Structure formats: C-alpha cells, structure tokens
Amino acid sequence: MALYSERIPALDIIQSKIYTRETLTRCLSAWKFQEKKIVFTNGCFDIIHRGHIDYLAKASDLGKKLIIGVNSDASVKRLGKSISRPLQDEQTRAMILASLHFVNAVIIFDEDTPLEIITLIKPDVLAKGADYDASETNKQSKKYIVGSDIVTANNGVVRTIAFLEGFSTTKIEKKIKGNQQ
C-alpha cells in the first residue's frame, strides 16, 4: 500500500491533462503506437452542466482516449454567443474538464474553428452534438462538422450525439440573470 506522501497530488494529475500542441503531439505518438482509439470533440464549455457531462461521457464511450478542444477566451468572443461570454476564463474551463475522470486530454485553441487541432490529432472518432450533421459536406452549412473531411480521409468516423433536453449554458445564464424561472 502506498504511503500518502508517495501519492501524486490530485491537482497535479488534473494539470497534467492540459496539453500544449507540442506536449499533445508526444502523447499522441504513444497512444497511436498502443493502438488506442482516439476521440476528439470541442466546444466552449463555459459552465459545465448535466448536458455537458452526458455528452462528454457518451463521446468518451466511443473510444479509449478522449481529447477535448476548448475555445480560447478570444475565440469564444468571436463566436458571438453573448457579450458576457465566456463567463469563466479558458484555464478554468480547461481545468474543470481535465478533472473529469473520463477525459484524457484538454487543449485550448485560439482559432475560430478546431480544424488545426483536428489536423494535428487525426482522431479515430470526431464527435459533435446532434445539432450538426455527420453527412453534411457543404462547408458553408451550419450543420457541417469542421474537420470531418480530415477524419474520414484518415479512415476515421464522425459521430453525432443527441443532447440531453433542457440543459444549456445559455439557459443557465438567463436563469442567473433572472430572465427565466
């Protein structure tokens, strides 16, 4: 039995799951050598709620390693979700996601889309919410899944996951502001 002093501090474990592109590249090499099925998804994940947990757990079940791309603060602002968004800074959002036991890696990206990260990772599975369409090929369509062409060209698959009804960050934000009961 390990002594308490030999235990790795929980915060160190969480922080070790937040990667830069360089550190993720090294980790990916090991995972791919071990033939681990890699799943990628992305989003803002501003206030983690039950809908996020449901979605991410189901995404995790699609493979062995779940990597989450998190929009940077600047990227969230450019998405135009709300003037007050993001409500939490990118490091906080990344840390909360990294604390989930079924999440293996979190990477923050500053681009408008996760295309560069998807190109770097070349996941076996690209997962998005069911508000997207895995068969959509028109890159101008709001239902198009960015990077789906990269994933399928590398023999990967694109999957959509149904949302848990009634849960959204926007809905929570409105409730906090007193706009909805």
N, C-alpha and C. Protein backbone atom coordinates (compact mmCIF):
# COMPACT_ATOMS: atom_id res chain seq x y z
N MET A 1 0.85 -1.18 0.00
CA MET A 1 0.00 0.00 0.00
C MET A 1 0.90 1.25 0.00
N ALA A 2 0.59 2.18 -0.88
CA ALA A 2 1.39 3.40 -1.00
C ALA A 2 1.13 4.32 0.18
N LEU A 3 2.19 4.96 0.65
CA LEU A 3 2.05 5.96 1.70
C LEU A 3 1.47 7.23 1.11
N TYR A 4 0.81 8.02 1.93
CA TYR A 4 0.20 9.25 1.45
C TYR A 4 1.22 10.14 0.75
N SER A 5 2.42 10.22 1.30
CA SER A 5 3.45 11.10 0.73
C SER A 5 3.89 10.65 -0.66
N GLU A 6 3.63 9.39 -1.02
CA GLU A 6 4.01 8.88 -2.34
C GLU A 6 2.92 9.13 -3.38
N ARG A 7 1.78 9.56 -2.95
CA ARG A 7 0.64 9.80 -3.83
C ARG A 7 0.84 11.07 -4.64
N ILE A 8 0.46 11.02 -5.90
CA ILE A 8 0.55 12.21 -6.75
C ILE A 8 -0.61 13.13 -6.38
N PRO A 9 -0.33 14.39 -6.10
CA PRO A 9 -1.40 15.31 -5.74
C PRO A 9 -2.45 15.41 -6.86
N ALA A 10 -3.71 15.44 -6.46
CA ALA A 10 -4.82 15.47 -7.41
C ALA A 10 -4.72 16.64 -8.38
N LEU A 11 -4.33 17.81 -7.89
CA LEU A 11 -4.20 18.97 -8.79
C LEU A 11 -3.12 18.76 -9.84
N ASP A 12 -2.06 18.04 -9.49
CA ASP A 12 -1.01 17.74 -10.47
C ASP A 12 -1.55 16.82 -11.57
N ILE A 13 -2.38 15.87 -11.18
CA ILE A 13 -2.98 14.95 -12.16
C ILE A 13 -3.87 15.74 -13.12
N ILE A 14 -4.68 16.62 -12.56
CA ILE A 14 -5.57 17.43 -13.40
C ILE A 14 -4.75 18.30 -14.35
N GLN A 15 -3.77 19.01 -13.83
CA GLN A 15 -2.94 19.90 -14.66
C GLN A 15 -2.20 19.12 -15.75
N SER A 16 -1.83 17.87 -15.46
CA SER A 16 -1.09 17.07 -16.44
C SER A 16 -1.95 16.68 -17.64
N LYS A 17 -3.26 16.86 -17.52
CA LYS A 17 -4.15 16.52 -18.63
C LYS A 17 -4.44 17.72 -19.53
N ILE A 18 -3.86 18.88 -19.21
CA ILE A 18 -4.00 20.07 -20.04
C ILE A 18 -2.72 20.20 -20.87
N TYR A 19 -2.87 20.09 -22.18
CA TYR A 19 -1.73 19.98 -23.09
C TYR A 19 -1.54 21.22 -23.96
N THR A 20 -0.29 21.40 -24.38
CA THR A 20 0.02 22.32 -25.46
C THR A 20 0.07 21.47 -26.73
N ARG A 21 0.18 22.09 -27.87
CA ARG A 21 0.27 21.31 -29.11
C ARG A 21 1.50 20.42 -29.10
N GLU A 22 2.60 20.94 -28.58
CA GLU A 22 3.84 20.16 -28.54
C GLU A 22 3.72 18.95 -27.62
N THR A 23 3.21 19.14 -26.43
CA THR A 23 3.10 18.02 -25.49
C THR A 23 2.05 17.02 -25.95
N LEU A 24 0.99 17.51 -26.58
CA LEU A 24 -0.04 16.60 -27.08
C LEU A 24 0.51 15.73 -28.21
N THR A 25 1.34 16.31 -29.06
CA THR A 25 1.94 15.55 -30.16
C THR A 25 2.73 14.35 -29.63
N ARG A 26 3.49 14.55 -28.57
CA ARG A 26 4.26 13.44 -27.97
C ARG A 26 3.33 12.38 -27.40
N CYS A 27 2.29 12.81 -26.73
CA CYS A 27 1.34 11.88 -26.13
C CYS A 27 0.59 11.10 -27.21
N LEU A 28 0.21 11.79 -28.28
CA LEU A 28 -0.50 11.14 -29.39
C LEU A 28 0.34 10.02 -29.99
N SER A 29 1.63 10.25 -30.12
CA SER A 29 2.52 9.22 -30.67
C SER A 29 2.44 7.94 -29.85
N ALA A 30 2.46 8.08 -28.54
CA ALA A 30 2.38 6.91 -27.66
C ALA A 30 1.03 6.23 -27.77
N TRP A 31 -0.05 7.02 -27.74
CA TRP A 31 -1.38 6.44 -27.83
C TRP A 31 -1.60 5.73 -29.16
N LYS A 32 -1.12 6.32 -30.22
CA LYS A 32 -1.31 5.70 -31.54
C LYS A 32 -0.46 4.43 -31.66
N PHE A 33 0.74 4.45 -31.09
CA PHE A 33 1.57 3.25 -31.08
C PHE A 33 0.88 2.13 -30.31
N GLN A 34 0.20 2.47 -29.24
CA GLN A 34 -0.53 1.49 -28.43
C GLN A 34 -1.90 1.15 -29.03
N GLU A 35 -2.19 1.72 -30.19
CA GLU A 35 -3.46 1.49 -30.91
C GLU A 35 -4.68 1.85 -30.07
N LYS A 36 -4.57 2.95 -29.32
CA LYS A 36 -5.71 3.45 -28.55
C LYS A 36 -6.63 4.22 -29.50
N LYS A 37 -7.90 3.96 -29.43
CA LYS A 37 -8.88 4.65 -30.27
C LYS A 37 -9.10 6.05 -29.69
N ILE A 38 -8.76 7.07 -30.47
CA ILE A 38 -8.79 8.45 -30.01
C ILE A 38 -10.07 9.15 -30.49
N VAL A 39 -10.75 9.77 -29.53
CA VAL A 39 -11.98 10.52 -29.79
C VAL A 39 -11.68 12.00 -29.54
N PHE A 40 -12.16 12.85 -30.44
CA PHE A 40 -12.00 14.29 -30.26
C PHE A 40 -13.35 14.97 -30.33
N THR A 41 -13.54 15.94 -29.46
CA THR A 41 -14.68 16.84 -29.52
C THR A 41 -14.21 18.21 -29.08
N ASN A 42 -15.04 19.19 -29.29
CA ASN A 42 -14.64 20.55 -28.91
C ASN A 42 -15.84 21.39 -28.53
N GLY A 43 -15.56 22.52 -27.89
CA GLY A 43 -16.61 23.45 -27.52
C GLY A 43 -16.10 24.50 -26.57
N CYS A 44 -17.01 25.37 -26.13
CA CYS A 44 -16.66 26.43 -25.18
C CYS A 44 -16.66 25.90 -23.74
N PHE A 45 -17.66 25.11 -23.41
CA PHE A 45 -17.80 24.50 -22.09
C PHE A 45 -17.68 25.57 -20.99
N ASP A 46 -18.50 26.61 -21.12
CA ASP A 46 -18.40 27.77 -20.24
C ASP A 46 -18.86 27.47 -18.82
N ILE A 47 -20.02 26.90 -18.68
CA ILE A 47 -20.50 26.44 -17.37
C ILE A 47 -20.82 24.96 -17.56
N ILE A 48 -20.04 24.11 -16.94
CA ILE A 48 -20.27 22.68 -17.10
C ILE A 48 -21.57 22.32 -16.40
N HIS A 49 -22.46 21.70 -17.14
CA HIS A 49 -23.76 21.30 -16.61
C HIS A 49 -24.03 19.83 -16.98
N ARG A 50 -25.16 19.35 -16.52
CA ARG A 50 -25.52 17.95 -16.73
C ARG A 50 -25.52 17.55 -18.21
N GLY A 51 -25.96 18.44 -19.08
CA GLY A 51 -25.94 18.16 -20.52
C GLY A 51 -24.53 17.93 -21.04
N HIS A 52 -23.57 18.73 -20.54
CA HIS A 52 -22.16 18.54 -20.93
C HIS A 52 -21.65 17.18 -20.46
N ILE A 53 -21.94 16.85 -19.22
CA ILE A 53 -21.45 15.58 -18.66
C ILE A 53 -22.01 14.41 -19.46
N ASP A 54 -23.29 14.45 -19.76
CA ASP A 54 -23.93 13.40 -20.55
C ASP A 54 -23.25 13.28 -21.92
N TYR A 55 -23.10 14.40 -22.60
CA TYR A 55 -22.49 14.43 -23.93
C TYR A 55 -21.04 13.91 -23.89
N LEU A 56 -20.25 14.42 -22.96
CA LEU A 56 -18.83 14.04 -22.90
C LEU A 56 -18.65 12.57 -22.49
N ALA A 57 -19.48 12.09 -21.59
CA ALA A 57 -19.39 10.67 -21.21
C ALA A 57 -19.71 9.78 -22.41
N LYS A 58 -20.72 10.16 -23.18
CA LYS A 58 -21.07 9.37 -24.37
C LYS A 58 -19.96 9.47 -25.42
N ALA A 59 -19.35 10.63 -25.57
CA ALA A 59 -18.22 10.78 -26.50
C ALA A 59 -17.06 9.89 -26.05
N SER A 60 -16.80 9.87 -24.78
CA SER A 60 -15.72 9.04 -24.23
C SER A 60 -15.94 7.56 -24.53
N ASP A 61 -17.19 7.14 -24.49
CA ASP A 61 -17.53 5.74 -24.75
C ASP A 61 -17.26 5.31 -26.19
N LEU A 62 -17.01 6.26 -27.08
CA LEU A 62 -16.74 5.95 -28.49
C LEU A 62 -15.30 5.50 -28.74
N GLY A 63 -14.45 5.56 -27.73
CA GLY A 63 -13.05 5.16 -27.90
C GLY A 63 -12.36 4.92 -26.58
N LYS A 64 -11.03 4.98 -26.61
CA LYS A 64 -10.23 4.74 -25.40
C LYS A 64 -9.68 6.03 -24.80
N LYS A 65 -9.44 7.04 -25.64
CA LYS A 65 -8.87 8.30 -25.18
C LYS A 65 -9.72 9.45 -25.68
N LEU A 66 -10.19 10.29 -24.77
CA LEU A 66 -11.00 11.45 -25.13
C LEU A 66 -10.17 12.71 -25.01
N ILE A 67 -10.09 13.44 -26.13
CA ILE A 67 -9.40 14.73 -26.17
C ILE A 67 -10.46 15.80 -26.41
N ILE A 68 -10.42 16.85 -25.60
CA ILE A 68 -11.36 17.95 -25.76
C ILE A 68 -10.61 19.21 -26.17
N GLY A 69 -11.04 19.81 -27.27
CA GLY A 69 -10.55 21.11 -27.68
C GLY A 69 -11.45 22.17 -27.07
N VAL A 70 -10.85 23.12 -26.37
CA VAL A 70 -11.60 24.18 -25.70
C VAL A 70 -11.31 25.51 -26.40
N ASN A 71 -12.37 26.20 -26.79
CA ASN A 71 -12.20 27.52 -27.40
C ASN A 71 -11.54 28.47 -26.40
N SER A 72 -10.52 29.20 -26.86
CA SER A 72 -9.89 30.21 -26.02
C SER A 72 -10.91 31.32 -25.72
N ASP A 73 -10.59 32.18 -24.77
CA ASP A 73 -11.48 33.29 -24.45
C ASP A 73 -11.74 34.15 -25.68
N ALA A 74 -10.68 34.46 -26.43
CA ALA A 74 -10.83 35.29 -27.62
C ALA A 74 -11.69 34.59 -28.67
N SER A 75 -11.52 33.29 -28.82
CA SER A 75 -12.31 32.52 -29.77
C SER A 75 -13.78 32.53 -29.39
N VAL A 76 -14.09 32.40 -28.11
CA VAL A 76 -15.48 32.44 -27.65
C VAL A 76 -16.10 33.80 -27.98
N LYS A 77 -15.35 34.86 -27.73
CA LYS A 77 -15.84 36.22 -28.04
C LYS A 77 -16.19 36.34 -29.52
N ARG A 78 -15.32 35.80 -30.39
CA ARG A 78 -15.55 35.89 -31.83
C ARG A 78 -16.76 35.08 -32.27
N LEU A 79 -17.13 34.06 -31.49
CA LEU A 79 -18.32 33.26 -31.83
C LEU A 79 -19.61 34.06 -31.63
N GLY A 80 -19.52 35.11 -30.85
CA GLY A 80 -20.67 35.98 -30.66
C GLY A 80 -21.81 35.37 -29.86
N LYS A 81 -21.49 34.50 -28.92
CA LYS A 81 -22.55 33.84 -28.14
C LYS A 81 -23.32 34.85 -27.28
N SER A 82 -22.60 35.72 -26.60
CA SER A 82 -23.20 36.73 -25.73
C SER A 82 -22.08 37.68 -25.33
N ILE A 83 -22.44 38.91 -25.06
CA ILE A 83 -21.42 39.90 -24.69
C ILE A 83 -20.70 39.50 -23.40
N SER A 84 -21.40 38.76 -22.54
CA SER A 84 -20.82 38.37 -21.24
C SER A 84 -19.99 37.08 -21.31
N ARG A 85 -19.99 36.43 -22.45
CA ARG A 85 -19.29 35.15 -22.56
C ARG A 85 -17.87 35.34 -23.06
N PRO A 86 -16.92 34.56 -22.63
CA PRO A 86 -17.12 33.46 -21.69
C PRO A 86 -17.28 33.96 -20.26
N LEU A 87 -18.03 33.23 -19.48
CA LEU A 87 -18.23 33.57 -18.09
C LEU A 87 -17.02 33.16 -17.25
N GLN A 88 -16.33 32.11 -17.69
CA GLN A 88 -15.13 31.63 -17.00
C GLN A 88 -13.97 31.66 -17.99
N ASP A 89 -12.78 31.95 -17.47
CA ASP A 89 -11.62 32.04 -18.36
C ASP A 89 -11.21 30.65 -18.87
N GLU A 90 -10.43 30.65 -19.93
CA GLU A 90 -10.06 29.41 -20.62
C GLU A 90 -9.32 28.42 -19.73
N GLN A 91 -8.45 28.91 -18.85
CA GLN A 91 -7.71 27.99 -17.96
C GLN A 91 -8.65 27.32 -16.97
N THR A 92 -9.61 28.05 -16.46
CA THR A 92 -10.60 27.48 -15.54
C THR A 92 -11.44 26.43 -16.24
N ARG A 93 -11.92 26.76 -17.45
CA ARG A 93 -12.73 25.81 -18.21
C ARG A 93 -11.93 24.54 -18.53
N ALA A 94 -10.66 24.71 -18.90
CA ALA A 94 -9.81 23.55 -19.20
C ALA A 94 -9.59 22.70 -17.95
N MET A 95 -9.37 23.36 -16.83
CA MET A 95 -9.12 22.61 -15.59
C MET A 95 -10.35 21.81 -15.15
N ILE A 96 -11.51 22.41 -15.27
CA ILE A 96 -12.75 21.70 -14.89
C ILE A 96 -12.93 20.46 -15.76
N LEU A 97 -12.73 20.61 -17.07
CA LEU A 97 -12.85 19.46 -17.97
C LEU A 97 -11.80 18.39 -17.66
N ALA A 98 -10.58 18.82 -17.39
CA ALA A 98 -9.50 17.87 -17.10
C ALA A 98 -9.75 17.11 -15.80
N SER A 99 -10.59 17.65 -14.93
CA SER A 99 -10.86 16.96 -13.66
C SER A 99 -11.81 15.78 -13.83
N LEU A 100 -12.47 15.69 -14.98
CA LEU A 100 -13.37 14.56 -15.22
C LEU A 100 -12.55 13.30 -15.50
N HIS A 101 -12.86 12.22 -14.83
CA HIS A 101 -12.04 11.02 -14.93
C HIS A 101 -11.99 10.43 -16.33
N PHE A 102 -13.02 10.61 -17.14
CA PHE A 102 -13.06 10.02 -18.47
C PHE A 102 -12.43 10.91 -19.54
N VAL A 103 -11.91 12.07 -19.15
CA VAL A 103 -11.22 12.97 -20.07
C VAL A 103 -9.72 12.71 -19.96
N ASN A 104 -9.08 12.47 -21.10
CA ASN A 104 -7.65 12.16 -21.10
C ASN A 104 -6.77 13.35 -21.45
N ALA A 105 -7.30 14.29 -22.22
CA ALA A 105 -6.51 15.45 -22.61
C ALA A 105 -7.42 16.62 -22.94
N VAL A 106 -6.96 17.80 -22.60
CA VAL A 106 -7.66 19.04 -22.93
C VAL A 106 -6.64 19.95 -23.58
N ILE A 107 -7.03 20.59 -24.67
CA ILE A 107 -6.16 21.54 -25.35
C ILE A 107 -6.98 22.77 -25.72
N ILE A 108 -6.42 23.94 -25.43
CA ILE A 108 -7.07 25.20 -25.74
C ILE A 108 -6.64 25.62 -27.15
N PHE A 109 -7.61 26.05 -27.96
CA PHE A 109 -7.27 26.55 -29.29
C PHE A 109 -7.83 27.95 -29.48
N ASP A 110 -7.07 28.79 -30.19
CA ASP A 110 -7.43 30.19 -30.37
C ASP A 110 -8.07 30.49 -31.71
N GLU A 111 -8.03 29.54 -32.64
CA GLU A 111 -8.61 29.75 -33.96
C GLU A 111 -10.13 29.76 -33.87
N ASP A 112 -10.78 30.21 -34.94
CA ASP A 112 -12.24 30.25 -34.96
C ASP A 112 -12.84 28.85 -35.00
N THR A 113 -12.11 27.90 -35.54
CA THR A 113 -12.57 26.50 -35.60
C THR A 113 -11.45 25.59 -35.10
N PRO A 114 -11.78 24.34 -34.78
CA PRO A 114 -10.75 23.41 -34.31
C PRO A 114 -10.00 22.69 -35.45
N LEU A 115 -10.09 23.19 -36.67
CA LEU A 115 -9.52 22.50 -37.82
C LEU A 115 -8.04 22.18 -37.64
N GLU A 116 -7.25 23.13 -37.16
CA GLU A 116 -5.81 22.88 -36.97
C GLU A 116 -5.56 21.77 -35.96
N ILE A 117 -6.32 21.76 -34.88
CA ILE A 117 -6.17 20.73 -33.84
C ILE A 117 -6.58 19.37 -34.41
N ILE A 118 -7.68 19.33 -35.14
CA ILE A 118 -8.14 18.06 -35.73
C ILE A 118 -7.10 17.54 -36.72
N THR A 119 -6.51 18.43 -37.49
CA THR A 119 -5.46 18.04 -38.44
C THR A 119 -4.25 17.48 -37.70
N LEU A 120 -3.91 18.07 -36.57
CA LEU A 120 -2.80 17.59 -35.75
C LEU A 120 -3.12 16.21 -35.15
N ILE A 121 -4.29 16.06 -34.59
CA ILE A 121 -4.66 14.83 -33.87
C ILE A 121 -4.99 13.68 -34.82
N LYS A 122 -5.73 13.99 -35.88
CA LYS A 122 -6.26 12.94 -36.77
C LYS A 122 -6.96 11.86 -35.93
N PRO A 123 -8.02 12.25 -35.22
CA PRO A 123 -8.69 11.30 -34.33
C PRO A 123 -9.35 10.16 -35.10
N ASP A 124 -9.54 9.06 -34.41
CA ASP A 124 -10.28 7.93 -34.98
C ASP A 124 -11.77 8.25 -35.03
N VAL A 125 -12.22 9.08 -34.07
CA VAL A 125 -13.62 9.46 -33.99
C VAL A 125 -13.69 10.97 -33.72
N LEU A 126 -14.49 11.65 -34.51
CA LEU A 126 -14.79 13.06 -34.30
C LEU A 126 -16.24 13.12 -33.83
N ALA A 127 -16.47 13.63 -32.63
CA ALA A 127 -17.81 13.67 -32.05
C ALA A 127 -18.30 15.10 -31.93
N LYS A 128 -19.55 15.31 -32.31
CA LYS A 128 -20.20 16.61 -32.16
C LYS A 128 -21.65 16.37 -31.73
N GLY A 129 -22.29 17.43 -31.29
CA GLY A 129 -23.69 17.35 -30.90
C GLY A 129 -24.59 17.12 -32.10
N ALA A 130 -25.78 16.62 -31.82
CA ALA A 130 -26.72 16.26 -32.88
C ALA A 130 -27.31 17.48 -33.59
N ASP A 131 -26.92 18.69 -33.18
CA ASP A 131 -27.34 19.87 -33.94
C ASP A 131 -26.49 20.00 -35.21
N TYR A 132 -25.48 19.14 -35.33
CA TYR A 132 -24.67 19.03 -36.55
C TYR A 132 -25.10 17.79 -37.31
N ASP A 133 -24.62 17.66 -38.55
CA ASP A 133 -24.97 16.52 -39.39
C ASP A 133 -23.69 15.88 -39.91
N ALA A 134 -23.44 14.65 -39.50
CA ALA A 134 -22.21 13.94 -39.89
C ALA A 134 -22.11 13.73 -41.39
N SER A 135 -23.23 13.75 -42.10
CA SER A 135 -23.19 13.52 -43.55
C SER A 135 -23.12 14.82 -44.36
N GLU A 136 -23.19 15.97 -43.70
CA GLU A 136 -23.16 17.26 -44.40
C GLU A 136 -21.75 17.52 -44.96
N THR A 137 -21.69 17.81 -46.25
CA THR A 137 -20.39 18.07 -46.90
C THR A 137 -20.21 19.53 -47.32
N ASN A 138 -21.29 20.31 -47.26
CA ASN A 138 -21.20 21.73 -47.61
C ASN A 138 -20.58 22.49 -46.44
N LYS A 139 -19.34 22.95 -46.63
CA LYS A 139 -18.62 23.63 -45.55
C LYS A 139 -19.27 24.95 -45.14
N GLN A 140 -20.16 25.47 -45.93
CA GLN A 140 -20.86 26.72 -45.60
C GLN A 140 -22.09 26.48 -44.73
N SER A 141 -22.53 25.23 -44.65
CA SER A 141 -23.71 24.90 -43.87
C SER A 141 -23.40 24.95 -42.37
N LYS A 142 -24.36 25.46 -41.59
CA LYS A 142 -24.21 25.49 -40.13
C LYS A 142 -24.18 24.09 -39.53
N LYS A 143 -24.66 23.11 -40.29
CA LYS A 143 -24.68 21.72 -39.81
C LYS A 143 -23.39 20.97 -40.15
N TYR A 144 -22.51 21.58 -40.94
CA TYR A 144 -21.24 20.94 -41.34
C TYR A 144 -20.33 20.80 -40.12
N ILE A 145 -19.70 19.66 -39.98
CA ILE A 145 -18.78 19.40 -38.88
C ILE A 145 -17.36 19.68 -39.37
N VAL A 146 -16.78 20.76 -38.85
CA VAL A 146 -15.43 21.15 -39.23
C VAL A 146 -14.47 19.99 -38.94
N GLY A 147 -13.65 19.66 -39.93
CA GLY A 147 -12.66 18.60 -39.77
C GLY A 147 -13.15 17.23 -40.15
N SER A 148 -14.44 17.11 -40.46
CA SER A 148 -14.98 15.78 -40.80
C SER A 148 -14.27 15.21 -42.03
N ASP A 149 -13.92 16.07 -42.97
CA ASP A 149 -13.21 15.60 -44.16
C ASP A 149 -11.81 15.07 -43.82
N ILE A 150 -11.14 15.71 -42.87
CA ILE A 150 -9.81 15.26 -42.43
C ILE A 150 -9.93 13.88 -41.77
N VAL A 151 -10.91 13.74 -40.89
CA VAL A 151 -11.09 12.49 -40.14
C VAL A 151 -11.43 11.34 -41.09
N THR A 152 -12.39 11.54 -41.98
CA THR A 152 -12.78 10.45 -42.87
C THR A 152 -11.67 10.11 -43.86
N ALA A 153 -10.88 11.10 -44.28
CA ALA A 153 -9.76 10.85 -45.19
C ALA A 153 -8.68 9.99 -44.52
N ASN A 154 -8.67 9.99 -43.18
CA ASN A 154 -7.71 9.19 -42.42
C ASN A 154 -8.37 7.94 -41.83
N ASN A 155 -9.45 7.48 -42.47
CA ASN A 155 -10.17 6.26 -42.06
C ASN A 155 -10.84 6.37 -40.70
N GLY A 156 -11.12 7.59 -40.27
CA GLY A 156 -11.85 7.79 -39.03
C GLY A 156 -13.33 7.91 -39.30
N VAL A 157 -14.10 8.06 -38.23
CA VAL A 157 -15.55 8.20 -38.36
C VAL A 157 -16.01 9.47 -37.64
N VAL A 158 -17.14 9.98 -38.09
CA VAL A 158 -17.74 11.17 -37.50
C VAL A 158 -19.06 10.74 -36.88
N ARG A 159 -19.27 11.08 -35.62
CA ARG A 159 -20.48 10.69 -34.91
C ARG A 159 -21.13 11.92 -34.28
N THR A 160 -22.46 11.90 -34.28
CA THR A 160 -23.18 12.94 -33.56
C THR A 160 -23.85 12.32 -32.34
N ILE A 161 -23.98 13.13 -31.30
CA ILE A 161 -24.52 12.67 -30.04
C ILE A 161 -25.71 13.57 -29.67
N ALA A 162 -26.83 12.95 -29.39
CA ALA A 162 -28.03 13.71 -29.02
C ALA A 162 -27.80 14.46 -27.71
N PHE A 163 -28.33 15.66 -27.67
CA PHE A 163 -28.23 16.47 -26.45
C PHE A 163 -29.27 16.03 -25.44
N LEU A 164 -28.96 16.22 -24.19
CA LEU A 164 -29.91 15.99 -23.11
C LEU A 164 -30.81 17.22 -23.06
N GLU A 165 -32.08 17.03 -23.31
CA GLU A 165 -33.03 18.15 -23.39
C GLU A 165 -33.08 18.96 -22.09
N GLY A 166 -33.19 20.27 -22.26
CA GLY A 166 -33.40 21.17 -21.12
C GLY A 166 -32.14 21.70 -20.47
N PHE A 167 -30.97 21.37 -21.01
CA PHE A 167 -29.73 21.81 -20.40
C PHE A 167 -28.90 22.58 -21.41
N SER A 168 -28.59 23.84 -21.08
CA SER A 168 -27.71 24.64 -21.91
C SER A 168 -27.11 25.76 -21.06
N THR A 169 -25.92 26.19 -21.44
CA THR A 169 -25.27 27.29 -20.73
C THR A 169 -26.10 28.57 -20.88
N THR A 170 -26.64 28.80 -22.06
CA THR A 170 -27.46 29.99 -22.30
C THR A 170 -28.66 30.01 -21.37
N LYS A 171 -29.30 28.86 -21.20
CA LYS A 171 -30.47 28.75 -20.32
C LYS A 171 -30.07 29.04 -18.87
N ILE A 172 -28.92 28.53 -18.45
CA ILE A 172 -28.43 28.77 -17.08
C ILE A 172 -28.11 30.26 -16.90
N GLU A 173 -27.46 30.84 -17.91
CA GLU A 173 -27.10 32.27 -17.85
C GLU A 173 -28.37 33.12 -17.70
N LYS A 174 -29.42 32.81 -18.46
CA LYS A 174 -30.67 33.55 -18.37
C LYS A 174 -31.31 33.40 -16.98
N LYS A 175 -31.24 32.19 -16.44
CA LYS A 175 -31.82 31.95 -15.12
C LYS A 175 -31.08 32.74 -14.05
N ILE A 176 -29.76 32.77 -14.16
CA ILE A 176 -28.95 33.53 -13.20
C ILE A 176 -29.30 35.02 -13.26
N LYS A 177 -29.50 35.51 -14.47
CA LYS A 177 -29.83 36.94 -14.66
C LYS A 177 -31.28 37.24 -14.30
N GLY A 178 -32.08 36.21 -13.99
CA GLY A 178 -33.45 36.40 -13.61
C GLY A 178 -34.41 36.55 -14.78
N ASN A 179 -33.95 36.15 -15.95
CA ASN A 179 -34.79 36.26 -17.15
C ASN A 179 -35.68 35.05 -17.37
N GLN A 180 -35.49 34.03 -16.54
CA GLN A 180 -36.27 32.80 -16.72
C GLN A 180 -36.34 32.11 -15.39
N GLN A 181 -37.45 31.48 -15.13
CA GLN A 181 -37.58 30.77 -13.85
C GLN A 181 -37.51 29.30 -14.04
